[in-house]
Amino acid sequence: MENIRPLFQLMTRRFGLLNKNCCTVGGVELSIVHSHILYEIDRQKAPSMQQVAETLGIDITTFSRQIQNLMKMGLVRKDPLPEDRRVYILSLTTEGKFIAATIDAEMNAYLHEVFSHIDEMERESVIRSIKLLNEAMSKSSVCCQPLR
């Protein structure tokens, strides 16, 4: 089989996943980890800290520090669950929602522009292949756990 690692290395660089800071929105500079956390809190709708940490594959101690940073930036709220005060529920503040929506719009515009260079049949094939690859990665015993 052809060595496909260089393809993934190049795609990772082009996608900007190695950059320390992924985005600046309204003067707020975010790391890629912060961007992923905001995305997951928004996507999961009132998740616990543990749920988001597990989804992102980040240990809870490191994740807790990231949440503290996002709280200091005024982007995330952390509230105890009334029925079990040991569990904390995460939510986005108004500014956090604005930043998450802005990043989402920018990423969608970026992906739309990238895919505009591929004809429709090939675009559908690429998207189908990405879905297939994600499914295979979720089944792998050596990769990508515990991501869903």
Protein backbone atom coordinates (compact mmCIF):
# COMPACT_ATOMS: atom_id res chain seq x y z
CA MET A 1 0.00 0.00 0.00
CA GLU A 2 1.15 3.51 -0.81
CA ASN A 3 2.53 5.56 2.11
CA ILE A 4 -0.45 7.79 2.86
CA ARG A 5 0.95 9.55 5.93
CA PRO A 6 2.34 12.46 3.86
CA LEU A 7 -1.20 13.12 2.56
CA PHE A 8 -2.51 13.45 6.12
CA GLN A 9 0.47 15.54 7.24
CA LEU A 10 -0.11 17.96 4.38
CA MET A 11 -3.87 18.11 4.97
CA THR A 12 -3.29 18.77 8.69
CA ARG A 13 -0.95 21.67 7.89
CA ARG A 14 -3.29 23.10 5.27
CA PHE A 15 -6.23 22.84 7.63
CA GLY A 16 -4.22 24.79 10.21
CA LEU A 17 -4.42 22.12 12.90
CA LEU A 18 -0.81 22.68 13.92
CA ASN A 19 -1.24 26.41 14.50
CA LYS A 20 -1.09 27.48 18.14
CA ASN A 21 -3.90 29.97 17.62
CA CYS A 22 -6.69 29.13 15.26
CA CYS A 23 -8.75 32.23 15.27
CA THR A 24 -9.27 35.75 16.43
CA VAL A 25 -12.87 36.87 16.76
CA GLY A 26 -13.73 40.36 17.97
CA GLY A 27 -10.25 40.81 19.42
CA VAL A 28 -10.43 37.48 21.30
CA GLU A 29 -7.62 35.10 20.36
CA LEU A 30 -8.45 31.41 20.71
CA SER A 31 -6.37 28.26 20.60
CA ILE A 32 -7.53 25.32 18.53
CA VAL A 33 -8.38 23.49 21.77
CA HIS A 34 -10.57 26.41 22.89
CA SER A 35 -12.29 26.41 19.52
CA HIS A 36 -13.03 22.67 19.81
CA ILE A 37 -14.36 23.09 23.35
CA LEU A 38 -16.71 25.92 22.32
CA TYR A 39 -17.91 23.84 19.36
CA GLU A 40 -18.67 20.81 21.54
CA ILE A 41 -20.43 22.78 24.28
CA ASP A 42 -22.61 24.38 21.60
CA ARG A 43 -23.21 21.10 19.76
CA GLN A 44 -23.99 18.98 22.83
CA LYS A 45 -26.39 21.48 24.49
CA ALA A 46 -25.69 21.69 28.25
CA PRO A 47 -23.11 18.89 28.53
CA SER A 48 -21.21 18.01 31.68
CA MET A 49 -17.50 18.77 31.91
CA GLN A 50 -16.79 15.02 31.78
CA GLN A 51 -18.84 14.56 28.58
CA VAL A 52 -16.96 17.26 26.68
CA ALA A 53 -13.56 16.14 28.01
CA GLU A 54 -14.29 12.56 26.91
CA THR A 55 -15.54 13.64 23.49
CA LEU A 56 -12.35 15.61 22.89
CA GLY A 57 -10.07 12.98 24.43
CA ILE A 58 -8.65 15.41 27.01
CA ASP A 59 -7.91 14.33 30.58
CA ILE A 60 -10.20 16.07 33.07
CA THR A 61 -7.38 17.98 34.86
CA THR A 62 -6.13 19.57 31.62
CA PHE A 63 -9.70 20.13 30.47
CA SER A 64 -10.59 21.87 33.74
CA ARG A 65 -7.72 24.35 33.22
CA GLN A 66 -8.98 25.06 29.70
CA ILE A 67 -12.49 25.69 31.04
CA GLN A 68 -11.08 28.08 33.67
CA ASN A 69 -9.35 30.03 30.87
CA LEU A 70 -12.57 30.18 28.84
CA MET A 71 -14.49 31.33 31.92
CA LYS A 72 -11.93 34.11 32.55
CA MET A 73 -12.41 35.17 28.92
CA GLY A 74 -16.16 35.37 29.58
CA LEU A 75 -17.04 32.70 27.01
CA VAL A 76 -18.17 29.74 29.15
CA ARG A 77 -20.29 29.23 32.26
CA LYS A 78 -19.90 26.28 34.62
CA ASP A 79 -22.88 25.54 36.86
CA PRO A 80 -23.39 22.66 39.30
CA LEU A 81 -26.13 20.21 38.41
CA PRO A 82 -28.89 20.81 41.00
CA GLU A 83 -29.47 17.09 41.66
CA ASP A 84 -25.73 16.27 41.92
CA ARG A 85 -23.53 19.22 42.80
CA ARG A 86 -20.38 17.21 42.01
CA VAL A 87 -21.32 17.38 38.31
CA TYR A 88 -20.82 20.66 36.44
CA ILE A 89 -22.82 21.61 33.36
CA LEU A 90 -21.18 23.80 30.74
CA SER A 91 -22.86 26.46 28.65
CA LEU A 92 -21.78 29.31 26.43
CA THR A 93 -22.24 32.91 27.47
CA THR A 94 -23.72 35.35 24.96
CA GLU A 95 -20.19 36.26 23.84
CA GLY A 96 -19.24 32.57 23.73
CA LYS A 97 -22.25 31.86 21.48
CA PHE A 98 -21.27 34.76 19.20
CA ILE A 99 -17.67 33.53 18.94
CA ALA A 100 -18.72 29.90 18.37
CA ALA A 101 -21.18 30.99 15.65
CA THR A 102 -18.55 33.21 14.01
CA ILE A 103 -15.97 30.40 13.96
CA ASP A 104 -18.61 28.00 12.61
CA ALA A 105 -19.53 30.42 9.81
CA GLU A 106 -15.85 30.99 8.96
CA MET A 107 -15.11 27.25 8.89
CA ASN A 108 -18.17 26.55 6.74
CA ALA A 109 -17.17 29.35 4.33
CA TYR A 110 -13.62 27.95 4.20
CA LEU A 111 -14.83 24.41 3.50
CA HIS A 112 -17.33 25.67 0.92
CA GLU A 113 -14.53 27.53 -0.86
CA VAL A 114 -12.24 24.47 -0.78
CA PHE A 115 -15.00 22.20 -2.10
CA SER A 116 -15.88 24.74 -4.83
CA HIS A 117 -12.71 23.60 -6.62
CA ILE A 118 -14.12 20.06 -6.95
CA ASP A 119 -16.96 19.16 -9.29
CA GLU A 120 -20.22 18.00 -7.70
CA MET A 121 -19.79 14.25 -8.27
CA GLU A 122 -16.25 14.26 -6.92
CA ARG A 123 -17.35 16.46 -3.99
CA GLU A 124 -20.01 13.91 -3.02
CA SER A 125 -17.43 11.15 -3.36
CA VAL A 126 -14.95 13.01 -1.13
CA ILE A 127 -17.61 13.65 1.52
CA ARG A 128 -18.70 10.00 1.40
CA SER A 129 -15.03 8.95 1.73
CA ILE A 130 -14.48 11.24 4.72
CA LYS A 131 -17.56 9.74 6.42
CA LEU A 132 -16.25 6.25 5.67
CA LEU A 133 -12.80 7.15 7.05
CA ASN A 134 -14.33 8.63 10.22
CA GLU A 135 -16.38 5.46 10.71
CA ALA A 136 -13.29 3.27 10.25
CA MET A 137 -11.31 5.43 12.68
CA SER A 138 -14.06 5.07 15.30
CA LYS A 139 -13.67 1.27 15.08
CA SER A 140 -9.88 1.26 15.23
CA SER A 141 -8.26 -0.23 18.30
CA VAL A 142 -5.18 2.00 17.94
CA CYS A 143 -6.66 5.33 16.95
CA CYS A 144 -8.88 8.07 18.04
CA GLN A 145 -10.45 6.75 21.22
CA PRO A 146 -12.67 7.82 22.95
CA LEU A 147 -13.92 10.16 20.19
CA ARG A 148 -17.39 9.54 18.88
